[in-house]
Amino acid sequence: LPLLPTTPLLLLAAALFLRSHKGLYQWLMNHPKLGPYITNFMVHKSIPLRVKVVSVGLVWVTLMNCAVFIADNWILRIFFVLLAVAITIHILSYKTLK
């Protein structure tokens, strides 16, 4: 889903796996790519700089593409720009993991 950052979806998956299937939870937490990402966010409440840059960049590319090529009126274009601003503020509100 291009409009949703990865972190909330990974945290939701971890929470649901924890409540439903301990084996899947352990697999997710021990996954070489996803596990450290979830653990860093849960422990430090921070996002690595590279992830912030990529996330904000993809949000802007995706939403500006929607605003320019998909939206057929100015209200939708303004909505896409405001949504990009809101998501950017949300992502940047977290500390940067060093």
N, C-alpha and C. Protein backbone atom coordinates (compact mmCIF):
# COMPACT_ATOMS: atom_id res chain seq x y z
N LEU A 1 0.85 -1.18 0.00
CA LEU A 1 0.00 0.00 0.00
C LEU A 1 0.89 1.24 0.00
N PRO A 2 0.87 2.02 -1.04
CA PRO A 2 1.82 3.12 -1.15
C PRO A 2 1.60 4.25 -0.16
N LEU A 3 0.41 4.42 0.37
CA LEU A 3 0.16 5.54 1.27
C LEU A 3 0.45 5.22 2.72
N LEU A 4 0.61 3.95 3.06
CA LEU A 4 0.85 3.57 4.43
C LEU A 4 2.31 3.24 4.65
N PRO A 5 2.91 3.82 5.68
CA PRO A 5 4.29 3.45 6.00
C PRO A 5 4.35 2.00 6.46
N THR A 6 5.51 1.40 6.33
CA THR A 6 5.69 -0.01 6.68
C THR A 6 5.59 -0.25 8.17
N THR A 7 6.08 0.65 8.97
CA THR A 7 6.16 0.42 10.41
C THR A 7 4.82 0.06 11.05
N PRO A 8 3.74 0.80 10.82
CA PRO A 8 2.48 0.41 11.45
C PRO A 8 2.01 -0.98 11.04
N LEU A 9 2.23 -1.35 9.79
CA LEU A 9 1.82 -2.67 9.34
C LEU A 9 2.65 -3.77 9.99
N LEU A 10 3.96 -3.55 10.13
CA LEU A 10 4.80 -4.53 10.80
C LEU A 10 4.45 -4.65 12.28
N LEU A 11 4.20 -3.52 12.94
CA LEU A 11 3.83 -3.56 14.35
C LEU A 11 2.48 -4.25 14.54
N LEU A 12 1.55 -4.02 13.64
CA LEU A 12 0.26 -4.69 13.71
C LEU A 12 0.44 -6.19 13.53
N ALA A 13 1.24 -6.59 12.55
CA ALA A 13 1.48 -8.02 12.34
C ALA A 13 2.12 -8.64 13.57
N ALA A 14 3.10 -7.97 14.17
CA ALA A 14 3.74 -8.51 15.37
C ALA A 14 2.74 -8.65 16.51
N ALA A 15 1.90 -7.64 16.71
CA ALA A 15 0.90 -7.70 17.78
C ALA A 15 -0.11 -8.82 17.56
N LEU A 16 -0.56 -8.96 16.31
CA LEU A 16 -1.52 -10.02 16.02
C LEU A 16 -0.90 -11.41 16.13
N PHE A 17 0.34 -11.56 15.67
CA PHE A 17 1.02 -12.85 15.80
C PHE A 17 1.27 -13.18 17.26
N LEU A 18 1.60 -12.18 18.06
CA LEU A 18 1.84 -12.41 19.49
C LEU A 18 0.59 -12.96 20.17
N ARG A 19 -0.56 -12.45 19.78
CA ARG A 19 -1.82 -12.90 20.40
C ARG A 19 -2.33 -14.20 19.82
N SER A 20 -1.96 -14.53 18.59
CA SER A 20 -2.57 -15.69 17.95
C SER A 20 -1.62 -16.87 17.77
N HIS A 21 -0.37 -16.63 17.42
CA HIS A 21 0.52 -17.73 17.10
C HIS A 21 1.95 -17.34 17.48
N LYS A 22 2.41 -17.89 18.60
CA LYS A 22 3.75 -17.54 19.11
C LYS A 22 4.86 -17.89 18.11
N GLY A 23 4.66 -18.97 17.35
CA GLY A 23 5.67 -19.37 16.37
C GLY A 23 5.85 -18.33 15.27
N LEU A 24 4.74 -17.78 14.77
CA LEU A 24 4.82 -16.74 13.75
C LEU A 24 5.43 -15.46 14.31
N TYR A 25 5.09 -15.17 15.58
CA TYR A 25 5.67 -13.98 16.23
C TYR A 25 7.19 -14.14 16.32
N GLN A 26 7.64 -15.30 16.76
CA GLN A 26 9.09 -15.54 16.89
C GLN A 26 9.77 -15.48 15.52
N TRP A 27 9.09 -16.03 14.49
CA TRP A 27 9.66 -15.98 13.14
C TRP A 27 9.82 -14.53 12.69
N LEU A 28 8.78 -13.71 12.92
CA LEU A 28 8.83 -12.31 12.51
C LEU A 28 9.91 -11.55 13.28
N MET A 29 10.01 -11.76 14.56
CA MET A 29 11.00 -11.05 15.37
C MET A 29 12.43 -11.51 15.08
N ASN A 30 12.59 -12.76 14.63
CA ASN A 30 13.92 -13.28 14.31
C ASN A 30 14.27 -13.14 12.83
N HIS A 31 13.37 -12.58 12.04
CA HIS A 31 13.63 -12.39 10.61
C HIS A 31 14.81 -11.43 10.45
N PRO A 32 15.76 -11.75 9.57
CA PRO A 32 16.98 -10.92 9.47
C PRO A 32 16.72 -9.48 9.02
N LYS A 33 15.71 -9.24 8.22
CA LYS A 33 15.43 -7.87 7.75
C LYS A 33 14.35 -7.18 8.59
N LEU A 34 13.27 -7.88 8.89
CA LEU A 34 12.13 -7.26 9.56
C LEU A 34 12.28 -7.20 11.08
N GLY A 35 12.91 -8.20 11.66
CA GLY A 35 13.04 -8.27 13.12
C GLY A 35 13.73 -7.05 13.73
N PRO A 36 14.92 -6.69 13.24
CA PRO A 36 15.59 -5.51 13.80
C PRO A 36 14.78 -4.23 13.60
N TYR A 37 14.09 -4.12 12.49
CA TYR A 37 13.27 -2.95 12.20
C TYR A 37 12.18 -2.79 13.26
N ILE A 38 11.48 -3.90 13.56
CA ILE A 38 10.41 -3.88 14.56
C ILE A 38 10.99 -3.62 15.95
N THR A 39 12.06 -4.33 16.29
CA THR A 39 12.66 -4.18 17.62
C THR A 39 13.16 -2.75 17.84
N ASN A 40 13.84 -2.18 16.85
CA ASN A 40 14.33 -0.80 16.99
C ASN A 40 13.18 0.17 17.23
N PHE A 41 12.10 -0.02 16.51
CA PHE A 41 10.98 0.90 16.68
C PHE A 41 10.32 0.71 18.04
N MET A 42 10.15 -0.55 18.47
CA MET A 42 9.49 -0.81 19.75
C MET A 42 10.34 -0.35 20.93
N VAL A 43 11.64 -0.52 20.84
CA VAL A 43 12.53 -0.17 21.94
C VAL A 43 12.87 1.32 21.95
N HIS A 44 13.27 1.84 20.81
CA HIS A 44 13.79 3.21 20.74
C HIS A 44 12.78 4.24 20.25
N LYS A 45 11.63 3.79 19.71
CA LYS A 45 10.64 4.69 19.11
C LYS A 45 11.30 5.61 18.10
N SER A 46 12.16 5.02 17.27
CA SER A 46 12.87 5.81 16.27
C SER A 46 12.95 5.05 14.95
N ILE A 47 13.25 5.80 13.89
CA ILE A 47 13.32 5.25 12.54
C ILE A 47 14.70 5.61 11.98
N PRO A 48 15.38 4.65 11.33
CA PRO A 48 16.68 4.97 10.73
C PRO A 48 16.55 6.07 9.67
N LEU A 49 17.60 6.87 9.52
CA LEU A 49 17.59 7.99 8.58
C LEU A 49 17.31 7.53 7.15
N ARG A 50 17.93 6.45 6.73
CA ARG A 50 17.71 5.93 5.38
C ARG A 50 16.24 5.59 5.14
N VAL A 51 15.61 4.97 6.13
CA VAL A 51 14.20 4.60 6.01
C VAL A 51 13.33 5.85 5.94
N LYS A 52 13.67 6.86 6.74
CA LYS A 52 12.92 8.12 6.69
C LYS A 52 13.00 8.76 5.31
N VAL A 53 14.21 8.83 4.77
CA VAL A 53 14.41 9.47 3.47
C VAL A 53 13.65 8.72 2.38
N VAL A 54 13.77 7.40 2.37
CA VAL A 54 13.08 6.60 1.35
C VAL A 54 11.57 6.73 1.51
N SER A 55 11.08 6.65 2.74
CA SER A 55 9.64 6.73 2.98
C SER A 55 9.06 8.07 2.53
N VAL A 56 9.69 9.15 2.96
CA VAL A 56 9.19 10.48 2.59
C VAL A 56 9.29 10.68 1.08
N GLY A 57 10.38 10.23 0.48
CA GLY A 57 10.53 10.36 -0.96
C GLY A 57 9.45 9.59 -1.73
N LEU A 58 9.19 8.36 -1.31
CA LEU A 58 8.16 7.56 -1.99
C LEU A 58 6.76 8.13 -1.79
N VAL A 59 6.50 8.66 -0.60
CA VAL A 59 5.20 9.27 -0.35
C VAL A 59 4.99 10.44 -1.32
N TRP A 60 6.01 11.30 -1.45
CA TRP A 60 5.87 12.47 -2.31
C TRP A 60 5.77 12.10 -3.78
N VAL A 61 6.58 11.14 -4.21
CA VAL A 61 6.51 10.71 -5.62
C VAL A 61 5.13 10.12 -5.92
N THR A 62 4.65 9.26 -5.03
CA THR A 62 3.36 8.62 -5.26
C THR A 62 2.21 9.62 -5.25
N LEU A 63 2.17 10.48 -4.24
CA LEU A 63 1.05 11.41 -4.12
C LEU A 63 1.10 12.54 -5.16
N MET A 64 2.29 12.96 -5.54
CA MET A 64 2.36 13.97 -6.59
C MET A 64 1.97 13.36 -7.93
N ASN A 65 2.31 12.10 -8.13
CA ASN A 65 1.86 11.40 -9.33
C ASN A 65 0.33 11.36 -9.37
N CYS A 66 -0.28 11.06 -8.23
CA CYS A 66 -1.74 11.05 -8.14
C CYS A 66 -2.31 12.45 -8.39
N ALA A 67 -1.69 13.45 -7.80
CA ALA A 67 -2.20 14.81 -7.95
C ALA A 67 -2.10 15.31 -9.39
N VAL A 68 -1.04 14.96 -10.08
CA VAL A 68 -0.83 15.47 -11.43
C VAL A 68 -1.55 14.64 -12.49
N PHE A 69 -1.45 13.32 -12.39
CA PHE A 69 -1.94 12.47 -13.47
C PHE A 69 -3.31 11.83 -13.21
N ILE A 70 -3.72 11.72 -11.97
CA ILE A 70 -4.97 11.01 -11.68
C ILE A 70 -6.10 11.96 -11.29
N ALA A 71 -5.80 12.91 -10.43
CA ALA A 71 -6.84 13.83 -9.95
C ALA A 71 -7.33 14.70 -11.10
N ASP A 72 -8.65 14.80 -11.18
CA ASP A 72 -9.20 15.59 -12.29
C ASP A 72 -9.77 16.93 -11.85
N ASN A 73 -9.69 17.22 -10.54
CA ASN A 73 -10.12 18.55 -10.09
C ASN A 73 -9.17 19.05 -9.00
N TRP A 74 -9.25 20.32 -8.74
CA TRP A 74 -8.29 20.95 -7.82
C TRP A 74 -8.50 20.52 -6.37
N ILE A 75 -9.69 20.12 -5.98
CA ILE A 75 -9.93 19.67 -4.60
C ILE A 75 -9.15 18.40 -4.31
N LEU A 76 -9.18 17.46 -5.25
CA LEU A 76 -8.40 16.23 -5.07
C LEU A 76 -6.91 16.51 -5.08
N ARG A 77 -6.48 17.42 -5.92
CA ARG A 77 -5.05 17.76 -5.96
C ARG A 77 -4.59 18.35 -4.63
N ILE A 78 -5.39 19.24 -4.08
CA ILE A 78 -5.06 19.82 -2.77
C ILE A 78 -5.06 18.73 -1.69
N PHE A 79 -6.03 17.81 -1.76
CA PHE A 79 -6.09 16.71 -0.80
C PHE A 79 -4.81 15.88 -0.85
N PHE A 80 -4.33 15.53 -2.05
CA PHE A 80 -3.12 14.73 -2.17
C PHE A 80 -1.90 15.46 -1.60
N VAL A 81 -1.81 16.75 -1.85
CA VAL A 81 -0.68 17.52 -1.32
C VAL A 81 -0.76 17.59 0.21
N LEU A 82 -1.95 17.85 0.75
CA LEU A 82 -2.10 17.90 2.21
C LEU A 82 -1.83 16.54 2.86
N LEU A 83 -2.23 15.47 2.19
CA LEU A 83 -1.96 14.14 2.70
C LEU A 83 -0.45 13.86 2.72
N ALA A 84 0.25 14.27 1.68
CA ALA A 84 1.70 14.11 1.64
C ALA A 84 2.37 14.91 2.77
N VAL A 85 1.90 16.11 3.01
CA VAL A 85 2.45 16.93 4.10
C VAL A 85 2.20 16.25 5.45
N ALA A 86 0.98 15.75 5.67
CA ALA A 86 0.64 15.11 6.94
C ALA A 86 1.47 13.86 7.17
N ILE A 87 1.64 13.04 6.15
CA ILE A 87 2.44 11.82 6.30
C ILE A 87 3.90 12.17 6.56
N THR A 88 4.41 13.18 5.86
CA THR A 88 5.79 13.62 6.07
C THR A 88 6.00 14.10 7.50
N ILE A 89 5.09 14.89 8.00
CA ILE A 89 5.20 15.37 9.39
C ILE A 89 5.17 14.21 10.35
N HIS A 90 4.30 13.24 10.11
CA HIS A 90 4.21 12.07 10.99
C HIS A 90 5.52 11.27 10.99
N ILE A 91 6.07 11.02 9.82
CA ILE A 91 7.32 10.25 9.75
C ILE A 91 8.46 11.01 10.40
N LEU A 92 8.54 12.30 10.14
CA LEU A 92 9.64 13.10 10.69
C LEU A 92 9.48 13.38 12.18
N SER A 93 8.30 13.13 12.73
CA SER A 93 8.09 13.36 14.16
C SER A 93 8.80 12.33 15.04
N TYR A 94 9.17 11.19 14.47
CA TYR A 94 9.90 10.18 15.22
C TYR A 94 11.38 10.52 15.24
N LYS A 95 12.04 10.11 16.32
CA LYS A 95 13.48 10.32 16.43
C LYS A 95 14.19 9.55 15.31
N THR A 96 15.38 10.00 14.97
CA THR A 96 16.19 9.32 13.96
C THR A 96 17.15 8.37 14.66
N LEU A 97 17.10 7.10 14.27
CA LEU A 97 17.98 6.08 14.84
C LEU A 97 19.35 6.21 14.21
N LYS A 98 20.37 6.25 15.05
CA LYS A 98 21.74 6.41 14.54
C LYS A 98 22.43 5.08 14.45
